[in-house]
Amino acid sequence: MGASNIFSSPNQADNLLNAGIALHRDGNLFAAKSIYERLLGIDDENIAAIQLLALVYSSRGEPDNALKLIGHALKIDPSNAASHHLKGIVMVALERASESLSSYDQAISLKSDDPKFYKDRGVARYECGLAHQAMSDFEKAIELTPTDSSLFTYIG
């Protein structure tokens, strides 16, 4: 299939999502945003596209738009741990770390084996002055991925 008809296959949504992800990874946020919006025009409940578009908005300094999208994703699927995690990330970016904790708690309650959730909650807890609890989160993240040496920077 040539590049000119990549979006005309029966898997149009998958093709759009993959194209958006490739652009996003290359740092072309403007083009990725356009692709995610196009995909959401086809399927406005595509959680992955909503989450990725929220990341674009957050990266572009538009956290309020990101939060609106994440809220939409959570209405569609309140049990999506990644959406709760993403909400926590955006709340921290808004310097609302204390408000992010409930989002991280929810993400962890839904998917307790993801080290990113513990690391990010640990960062938020540390920013809230909860150093002992933050340390517990960093230790749990290390327990889940002992080969990730970047996590050791959090425990000194």
N, C-alpha and C. Protein backbone atom coordinates (compact mmCIF):
# COMPACT_ATOMS: atom_id res chain seq x y z
N MET A 1 0.85 -1.18 0.00
CA MET A 1 0.00 0.00 0.00
C MET A 1 0.89 1.23 0.00
N GLY A 2 0.65 2.14 -0.91
CA GLY A 2 1.45 3.36 -1.00
C GLY A 2 1.06 4.37 0.05
N ALA A 3 1.92 5.33 0.24
CA ALA A 3 1.67 6.36 1.25
C ALA A 3 0.42 7.18 0.92
N SER A 4 0.08 7.30 -0.36
CA SER A 4 -1.06 8.13 -0.72
C SER A 4 -2.39 7.52 -0.31
N ASN A 5 -2.44 6.20 -0.14
CA ASN A 5 -3.71 5.61 0.24
C ASN A 5 -3.64 4.91 1.60
N ILE A 6 -2.72 5.31 2.44
CA ILE A 6 -2.58 4.69 3.76
C ILE A 6 -3.84 4.86 4.61
N PHE A 7 -4.60 5.95 4.37
CA PHE A 7 -5.76 6.21 5.20
C PHE A 7 -7.07 5.69 4.60
N SER A 8 -6.99 4.96 3.50
CA SER A 8 -8.21 4.49 2.86
C SER A 8 -8.48 3.01 3.13
N SER A 9 -7.67 2.38 3.96
CA SER A 9 -7.86 0.97 4.25
C SER A 9 -8.99 0.79 5.26
N PRO A 10 -9.45 -0.45 5.43
CA PRO A 10 -10.49 -0.71 6.43
C PRO A 10 -10.04 -0.37 7.86
N ASN A 11 -8.76 -0.31 8.09
CA ASN A 11 -8.23 0.00 9.41
C ASN A 11 -7.82 1.46 9.51
N GLN A 12 -8.67 2.35 9.01
CA GLN A 12 -8.34 3.76 8.95
C GLN A 12 -7.96 4.31 10.33
N ALA A 13 -8.70 3.96 11.36
CA ALA A 13 -8.41 4.49 12.69
C ALA A 13 -7.03 4.04 13.16
N ASP A 14 -6.72 2.77 12.96
CA ASP A 14 -5.40 2.27 13.35
C ASP A 14 -4.29 2.96 12.57
N ASN A 15 -4.51 3.15 11.28
CA ASN A 15 -3.51 3.81 10.45
C ASN A 15 -3.28 5.25 10.88
N LEU A 16 -4.38 5.95 11.19
CA LEU A 16 -4.25 7.33 11.65
C LEU A 16 -3.51 7.38 12.98
N LEU A 17 -3.88 6.50 13.89
CA LEU A 17 -3.22 6.48 15.19
C LEU A 17 -1.73 6.22 15.04
N ASN A 18 -1.37 5.24 14.23
CA ASN A 18 0.05 4.93 14.02
C ASN A 18 0.79 6.09 13.37
N ALA A 19 0.15 6.76 12.44
CA ALA A 19 0.77 7.92 11.79
C ALA A 19 0.98 9.04 12.81
N GLY A 20 -0.03 9.26 13.63
CA GLY A 20 0.08 10.30 14.66
C GLY A 20 1.19 9.99 15.65
N ILE A 21 1.28 8.76 16.06
CA ILE A 21 2.33 8.34 17.01
C ILE A 21 3.70 8.55 16.40
N ALA A 22 3.86 8.18 15.13
CA ALA A 22 5.15 8.37 14.46
C ALA A 22 5.53 9.84 14.41
N LEU A 23 4.59 10.70 14.07
CA LEU A 23 4.86 12.13 14.04
C LEU A 23 5.18 12.67 15.44
N HIS A 24 4.42 12.18 16.42
CA HIS A 24 4.62 12.59 17.81
C HIS A 24 6.04 12.23 18.26
N ARG A 25 6.45 11.00 17.99
CA ARG A 25 7.80 10.55 18.36
C ARG A 25 8.89 11.37 17.69
N ASP A 26 8.61 11.82 16.48
CA ASP A 26 9.58 12.65 15.75
C ASP A 26 9.57 14.10 16.21
N GLY A 27 8.68 14.42 17.14
CA GLY A 27 8.61 15.78 17.67
C GLY A 27 7.76 16.73 16.84
N ASN A 28 7.06 16.21 15.87
CA ASN A 28 6.21 17.04 15.04
C ASN A 28 4.82 17.10 15.68
N LEU A 29 4.71 17.89 16.74
CA LEU A 29 3.47 17.93 17.52
C LEU A 29 2.31 18.55 16.75
N PHE A 30 2.60 19.53 15.90
CA PHE A 30 1.54 20.17 15.13
C PHE A 30 0.87 19.15 14.21
N ALA A 31 1.68 18.38 13.49
CA ALA A 31 1.12 17.37 12.57
C ALA A 31 0.45 16.24 13.34
N ALA A 32 1.05 15.82 14.46
CA ALA A 32 0.45 14.77 15.28
C ALA A 32 -0.91 15.22 15.79
N LYS A 33 -0.98 16.46 16.26
CA LYS A 33 -2.24 17.02 16.75
C LYS A 33 -3.31 16.94 15.66
N SER A 34 -2.94 17.30 14.46
CA SER A 34 -3.88 17.27 13.34
C SER A 34 -4.39 15.85 13.08
N ILE A 35 -3.49 14.90 13.13
CA ILE A 35 -3.86 13.49 12.89
C ILE A 35 -4.79 13.00 14.01
N TYR A 36 -4.44 13.28 15.27
CA TYR A 36 -5.28 12.83 16.38
C TYR A 36 -6.67 13.45 16.28
N GLU A 37 -6.74 14.74 15.92
CA GLU A 37 -8.04 15.39 15.76
C GLU A 37 -8.84 14.75 14.62
N ARG A 38 -8.15 14.43 13.55
CA ARG A 38 -8.82 13.76 12.42
C ARG A 38 -9.38 12.41 12.87
N LEU A 39 -8.59 11.67 13.62
CA LEU A 39 -9.03 10.37 14.13
C LEU A 39 -10.23 10.53 15.05
N LEU A 40 -10.20 11.53 15.91
CA LEU A 40 -11.32 11.75 16.82
C LEU A 40 -12.57 12.20 16.07
N GLY A 41 -12.39 12.76 14.90
CA GLY A 41 -13.54 13.08 14.05
C GLY A 41 -14.22 11.82 13.53
N ILE A 42 -13.46 10.75 13.42
CA ILE A 42 -13.98 9.45 12.97
C ILE A 42 -14.52 8.65 14.15
N ASP A 43 -13.77 8.69 15.26
CA ASP A 43 -14.10 7.91 16.45
C ASP A 43 -13.80 8.77 17.67
N ASP A 44 -14.81 9.48 18.17
CA ASP A 44 -14.59 10.42 19.27
C ASP A 44 -14.42 9.73 20.62
N GLU A 45 -14.45 8.40 20.63
CA GLU A 45 -14.22 7.66 21.86
C GLU A 45 -12.93 6.84 21.82
N ASN A 46 -12.03 7.19 20.92
CA ASN A 46 -10.76 6.49 20.82
C ASN A 46 -9.85 6.98 21.95
N ILE A 47 -9.77 6.18 23.00
CA ILE A 47 -9.05 6.58 24.21
C ILE A 47 -7.58 6.90 23.92
N ALA A 48 -6.93 6.09 23.10
CA ALA A 48 -5.51 6.34 22.80
C ALA A 48 -5.33 7.69 22.13
N ALA A 49 -6.19 8.02 21.18
CA ALA A 49 -6.08 9.31 20.48
C ALA A 49 -6.36 10.46 21.45
N ILE A 50 -7.33 10.28 22.33
CA ILE A 50 -7.64 11.32 23.32
C ILE A 50 -6.44 11.54 24.23
N GLN A 51 -5.85 10.46 24.72
CA GLN A 51 -4.70 10.57 25.62
C GLN A 51 -3.52 11.23 24.91
N LEU A 52 -3.26 10.82 23.70
CA LEU A 52 -2.13 11.38 22.95
C LEU A 52 -2.34 12.85 22.62
N LEU A 53 -3.56 13.21 22.27
CA LEU A 53 -3.86 14.61 22.00
C LEU A 53 -3.72 15.43 23.29
N ALA A 54 -4.12 14.85 24.41
CA ALA A 54 -3.95 15.53 25.70
C ALA A 54 -2.46 15.76 25.98
N LEU A 55 -1.63 14.79 25.66
CA LEU A 55 -0.18 14.95 25.82
C LEU A 55 0.35 16.08 24.95
N VAL A 56 -0.15 16.17 23.73
CA VAL A 56 0.26 17.25 22.83
C VAL A 56 -0.12 18.60 23.45
N TYR A 57 -1.35 18.71 23.90
CA TYR A 57 -1.79 19.97 24.51
C TYR A 57 -0.93 20.32 25.72
N SER A 58 -0.65 19.33 26.54
CA SER A 58 0.18 19.57 27.72
C SER A 58 1.58 20.02 27.32
N SER A 59 2.15 19.37 26.32
CA SER A 59 3.49 19.72 25.84
C SER A 59 3.54 21.12 25.24
N ARG A 60 2.42 21.55 24.69
CA ARG A 60 2.36 22.87 24.06
C ARG A 60 1.95 23.97 25.05
N GLY A 61 1.89 23.62 26.34
CA GLY A 61 1.54 24.61 27.34
C GLY A 61 0.06 24.92 27.40
N GLU A 62 -0.77 23.95 27.05
CA GLU A 62 -2.21 24.11 27.09
C GLU A 62 -2.82 23.06 28.03
N PRO A 63 -2.46 23.10 29.32
CA PRO A 63 -2.91 22.05 30.24
C PRO A 63 -4.42 22.03 30.46
N ASP A 64 -5.08 23.17 30.34
CA ASP A 64 -6.53 23.18 30.52
C ASP A 64 -7.22 22.36 29.43
N ASN A 65 -6.73 22.50 28.19
CA ASN A 65 -7.28 21.68 27.10
C ASN A 65 -6.96 20.20 27.33
N ALA A 66 -5.77 19.94 27.85
CA ALA A 66 -5.40 18.55 28.14
C ALA A 66 -6.34 17.97 29.19
N LEU A 67 -6.63 18.73 30.24
CA LEU A 67 -7.52 18.23 31.29
C LEU A 67 -8.94 17.98 30.77
N LYS A 68 -9.41 18.82 29.87
CA LYS A 68 -10.74 18.60 29.28
C LYS A 68 -10.78 17.27 28.53
N LEU A 69 -9.73 17.01 27.76
CA LEU A 69 -9.67 15.75 27.01
C LEU A 69 -9.58 14.56 27.95
N ILE A 70 -8.77 14.67 28.99
CA ILE A 70 -8.64 13.57 29.94
C ILE A 70 -9.97 13.32 30.64
N GLY A 71 -10.67 14.40 30.97
CA GLY A 71 -12.01 14.24 31.55
C GLY A 71 -12.94 13.48 30.63
N HIS A 72 -12.86 13.77 29.34
CA HIS A 72 -13.67 13.06 28.34
C HIS A 72 -13.28 11.58 28.31
N ALA A 73 -11.98 11.31 28.33
CA ALA A 73 -11.51 9.91 28.33
C ALA A 73 -12.02 9.17 29.57
N LEU A 74 -12.00 9.83 30.71
CA LEU A 74 -12.43 9.18 31.95
C LEU A 74 -13.95 8.97 31.98
N LYS A 75 -14.70 9.81 31.29
CA LYS A 75 -16.15 9.58 31.17
C LYS A 75 -16.42 8.35 30.32
N ILE A 76 -15.61 8.18 29.28
CA ILE A 76 -15.77 7.02 28.40
C ILE A 76 -15.38 5.74 29.14
N ASP A 77 -14.24 5.80 29.84
CA ASP A 77 -13.74 4.60 30.52
C ASP A 77 -13.09 5.00 31.85
N PRO A 78 -13.89 5.05 32.93
CA PRO A 78 -13.35 5.46 34.23
C PRO A 78 -12.35 4.46 34.81
N SER A 79 -12.26 3.28 34.20
CA SER A 79 -11.32 2.28 34.72
C SER A 79 -10.01 2.26 33.94
N ASN A 80 -9.76 3.28 33.14
CA ASN A 80 -8.52 3.34 32.36
C ASN A 80 -7.42 3.96 33.22
N ALA A 81 -6.52 3.14 33.69
CA ALA A 81 -5.45 3.57 34.58
C ALA A 81 -4.57 4.64 33.93
N ALA A 82 -4.30 4.48 32.65
CA ALA A 82 -3.43 5.44 31.96
C ALA A 82 -4.05 6.84 31.94
N SER A 83 -5.36 6.93 31.83
CA SER A 83 -6.01 8.25 31.84
C SER A 83 -5.88 8.90 33.22
N HIS A 84 -6.04 8.12 34.27
CA HIS A 84 -5.86 8.67 35.62
C HIS A 84 -4.42 9.13 35.82
N HIS A 85 -3.47 8.33 35.34
CA HIS A 85 -2.06 8.68 35.44
C HIS A 85 -1.77 9.98 34.69
N LEU A 86 -2.30 10.08 33.48
CA LEU A 86 -2.09 11.27 32.67
C LEU A 86 -2.69 12.50 33.35
N LYS A 87 -3.83 12.34 33.98
CA LYS A 87 -4.43 13.46 34.71
C LYS A 87 -3.49 13.91 35.83
N GLY A 88 -2.89 12.96 36.53
CA GLY A 88 -1.92 13.31 37.56
C GLY A 88 -0.74 14.08 37.00
N ILE A 89 -0.23 13.65 35.87
CA ILE A 89 0.91 14.32 35.23
C ILE A 89 0.56 15.78 34.91
N VAL A 90 -0.61 15.98 34.34
CA VAL A 90 -1.02 17.34 33.96
C VAL A 90 -1.24 18.19 35.20
N MET A 91 -1.81 17.61 36.25
CA MET A 91 -2.02 18.37 37.49
C MET A 91 -0.68 18.83 38.08
N VAL A 92 0.32 17.98 38.04
CA VAL A 92 1.66 18.35 38.53
C VAL A 92 2.22 19.48 37.66
N ALA A 93 2.03 19.37 36.35
CA ALA A 93 2.51 20.42 35.45
C ALA A 93 1.85 21.76 35.75
N LEU A 94 0.63 21.71 36.26
CA LEU A 94 -0.09 22.92 36.64
C LEU A 94 0.27 23.39 38.05
N GLU A 95 1.28 22.73 38.63
CA GLU A 95 1.73 23.03 40.00
C GLU A 95 0.61 22.78 41.01
N ARG A 96 -0.14 21.72 40.75
CA ARG A 96 -1.21 21.29 41.64
C ARG A 96 -0.93 19.85 42.08
N ALA A 97 0.28 19.66 42.61
CA ALA A 97 0.73 18.31 42.97
C ALA A 97 -0.20 17.65 43.99
N SER A 98 -0.68 18.40 44.96
CA SER A 98 -1.54 17.79 45.97
C SER A 98 -2.83 17.25 45.34
N GLU A 99 -3.33 17.93 44.31
CA GLU A 99 -4.53 17.46 43.62
C GLU A 99 -4.24 16.26 42.72
N SER A 100 -2.99 16.10 42.34
CA SER A 100 -2.63 14.99 41.46
C SER A 100 -2.63 13.65 42.19
N LEU A 101 -2.47 13.69 43.49
CA LEU A 101 -2.30 12.44 44.26
C LEU A 101 -3.49 11.50 44.11
N SER A 102 -4.70 12.03 44.10
CA SER A 102 -5.87 11.14 43.96
C SER A 102 -5.88 10.48 42.58
N SER A 103 -5.40 11.18 41.56
CA SER A 103 -5.34 10.56 40.23
C SER A 103 -4.31 9.44 40.20
N TYR A 104 -3.16 9.69 40.80
CA TYR A 104 -2.14 8.64 40.86
C TYR A 104 -2.63 7.46 41.70
N ASP A 105 -3.31 7.75 42.82
CA ASP A 105 -3.84 6.66 43.65
C ASP A 105 -4.81 5.80 42.85
N GLN A 106 -5.67 6.47 42.08
CA GLN A 106 -6.65 5.74 41.27
C GLN A 106 -5.94 4.89 40.21
N ALA A 107 -4.94 5.46 39.56
CA ALA A 107 -4.19 4.70 38.54
C ALA A 107 -3.56 3.46 39.16
N ILE A 108 -2.97 3.63 40.33
CA ILE A 108 -2.31 2.49 40.99
C ILE A 108 -3.33 1.46 41.45
N SER A 109 -4.49 1.90 41.90
CA SER A 109 -5.51 0.93 42.33
C SER A 109 -6.01 0.11 41.14
N LEU A 110 -5.95 0.68 39.96
CA LEU A 110 -6.40 -0.03 38.77
C LEU A 110 -5.31 -0.88 38.13
N LYS A 111 -4.06 -0.47 38.31
CA LYS A 111 -2.94 -1.18 37.68
C LYS A 111 -1.72 -1.03 38.57
N SER A 112 -1.62 -1.92 39.52
CA SER A 112 -0.60 -1.79 40.57
C SER A 112 0.79 -2.25 40.16
N ASP A 113 0.96 -2.68 38.92
CA ASP A 113 2.26 -3.18 38.50
C ASP A 113 2.99 -2.25 37.54
N ASP A 114 2.57 -0.99 37.46
CA ASP A 114 3.21 -0.05 36.55
C ASP A 114 4.16 0.87 37.33
N PRO A 115 5.45 0.71 37.14
CA PRO A 115 6.41 1.51 37.91
C PRO A 115 6.31 3.01 37.65
N LYS A 116 5.87 3.41 36.46
CA LYS A 116 5.74 4.85 36.16
C LYS A 116 4.73 5.50 37.11
N PHE A 117 3.68 4.77 37.45
CA PHE A 117 2.66 5.32 38.33
C PHE A 117 3.26 5.63 39.71
N TYR A 118 4.07 4.71 40.22
CA TYR A 118 4.70 4.91 41.53
C TYR A 118 5.74 6.02 41.48
N LYS A 119 6.54 6.02 40.42
CA LYS A 119 7.56 7.07 40.30
C LYS A 119 6.91 8.45 40.26
N ASP A 120 5.90 8.60 39.44
CA ASP A 120 5.27 9.91 39.30
C ASP A 120 4.51 10.32 40.56
N ARG A 121 3.87 9.35 41.23
CA ARG A 121 3.23 9.69 42.50
C ARG A 121 4.29 10.07 43.52
N GLY A 122 5.43 9.40 43.49
CA GLY A 122 6.52 9.74 44.39
C GLY A 122 7.00 11.16 44.19
N VAL A 123 7.14 11.57 42.93
CA VAL A 123 7.55 12.94 42.64
C VAL A 123 6.52 13.93 43.19
N ALA A 124 5.25 13.63 42.97
CA ALA A 124 4.19 14.52 43.46
C ALA A 124 4.18 14.56 44.99
N ARG A 125 4.34 13.41 45.60
CA ARG A 125 4.38 13.37 47.07
C ARG A 125 5.56 14.18 47.60
N TYR A 126 6.69 14.06 46.94
CA TYR A 126 7.87 14.82 47.36
C TYR A 126 7.60 16.32 47.27
N GLU A 127 6.96 16.72 46.16
CA GLU A 127 6.63 18.14 45.98
C GLU A 127 5.64 18.62 47.03
N CYS A 128 4.86 17.70 47.59
CA CYS A 128 3.89 18.05 48.63
C CYS A 128 4.50 17.98 50.03
N GLY A 129 5.79 17.69 50.11
CA GLY A 129 6.45 17.59 51.41
C GLY A 129 6.27 16.26 52.10
N LEU A 130 5.90 15.24 51.34
CA LEU A 130 5.67 13.91 51.89
C LEU A 130 6.83 13.00 51.52
N ALA A 131 8.00 13.36 52.01
CA ALA A 131 9.24 12.67 51.60
C ALA A 131 9.23 11.19 51.93
N HIS A 132 8.75 10.82 53.11
CA HIS A 132 8.76 9.41 53.51
C HIS A 132 7.87 8.58 52.58
N GLN A 133 6.68 9.09 52.28
CA GLN A 133 5.77 8.39 51.37
C GLN A 133 6.35 8.36 49.95
N ALA A 134 7.00 9.45 49.56
CA ALA A 134 7.62 9.49 48.24
C ALA A 134 8.69 8.41 48.13
N MET A 135 9.49 8.26 49.17
CA MET A 135 10.54 7.25 49.17
C MET A 135 9.94 5.85 48.99
N SER A 136 8.82 5.59 49.64
CA SER A 136 8.15 4.29 49.48
C SER A 136 7.73 4.05 48.04
N ASP A 137 7.24 5.11 47.39
CA ASP A 137 6.85 4.97 45.98
C ASP A 137 8.07 4.72 45.10
N PHE A 138 9.15 5.43 45.33
CA PHE A 138 10.35 5.21 44.53
C PHE A 138 10.89 3.79 44.72
N GLU A 139 10.84 3.32 45.96
CA GLU A 139 11.30 1.94 46.23
C GLU A 139 10.42 0.92 45.52
N LYS A 140 9.11 1.17 45.49
CA LYS A 140 8.19 0.25 44.80
C LYS A 140 8.47 0.27 43.29
N ALA A 141 8.72 1.43 42.74
CA ALA A 141 9.04 1.53 41.31
C ALA A 141 10.30 0.73 41.01
N ILE A 142 11.30 0.83 41.87
CA ILE A 142 12.54 0.08 41.68
C ILE A 142 12.29 -1.42 41.81
N GLU A 143 11.45 -1.80 42.76
CA GLU A 143 11.11 -3.21 42.93
C GLU A 143 10.48 -3.77 41.66
N LEU A 144 9.65 -2.96 41.01
CA LEU A 144 8.97 -3.42 39.80
C LEU A 144 9.88 -3.44 38.58
N THR A 145 10.88 -2.55 38.56
CA THR A 145 11.83 -2.52 37.43
C THR A 145 13.24 -2.28 37.96
N PRO A 146 13.84 -3.29 38.55
CA PRO A 146 15.16 -3.12 39.16
C PRO A 146 16.27 -2.81 38.16
N THR A 147 16.04 -3.02 36.90
CA THR A 147 17.07 -2.73 35.90
C THR A 147 17.02 -1.29 35.39
N ASP A 148 16.02 -0.52 35.81
CA ASP A 148 15.90 0.88 35.39
C ASP A 148 16.74 1.75 36.33
N SER A 149 17.97 1.99 35.93
CA SER A 149 18.90 2.72 36.79
C SER A 149 18.47 4.17 37.02
N SER A 150 17.64 4.72 36.15
CA SER A 150 17.21 6.12 36.33
C SER A 150 16.39 6.28 37.60
N LEU A 151 15.74 5.21 38.05
CA LEU A 151 14.92 5.30 39.26
C LEU A 151 15.77 5.50 40.52
N PHE A 152 17.01 5.06 40.47
CA PHE A 152 17.87 5.17 41.64
C PHE A 152 18.21 6.61 41.97
N THR A 153 18.08 7.50 41.02
CA THR A 153 18.37 8.92 41.28
C THR A 153 17.38 9.50 42.28
N TYR A 154 16.21 8.89 42.41
CA TYR A 154 15.18 9.41 43.31
C TYR A 154 15.43 9.04 44.76
N ILE A 155 16.24 8.02 45.00
CA ILE A 155 16.47 7.61 46.39
C ILE A 155 17.84 8.01 46.90
N GLY A 156 18.56 8.74 46.09
CA GLY A 156 19.83 9.27 46.52
C GLY A 156 20.89 8.27 46.48
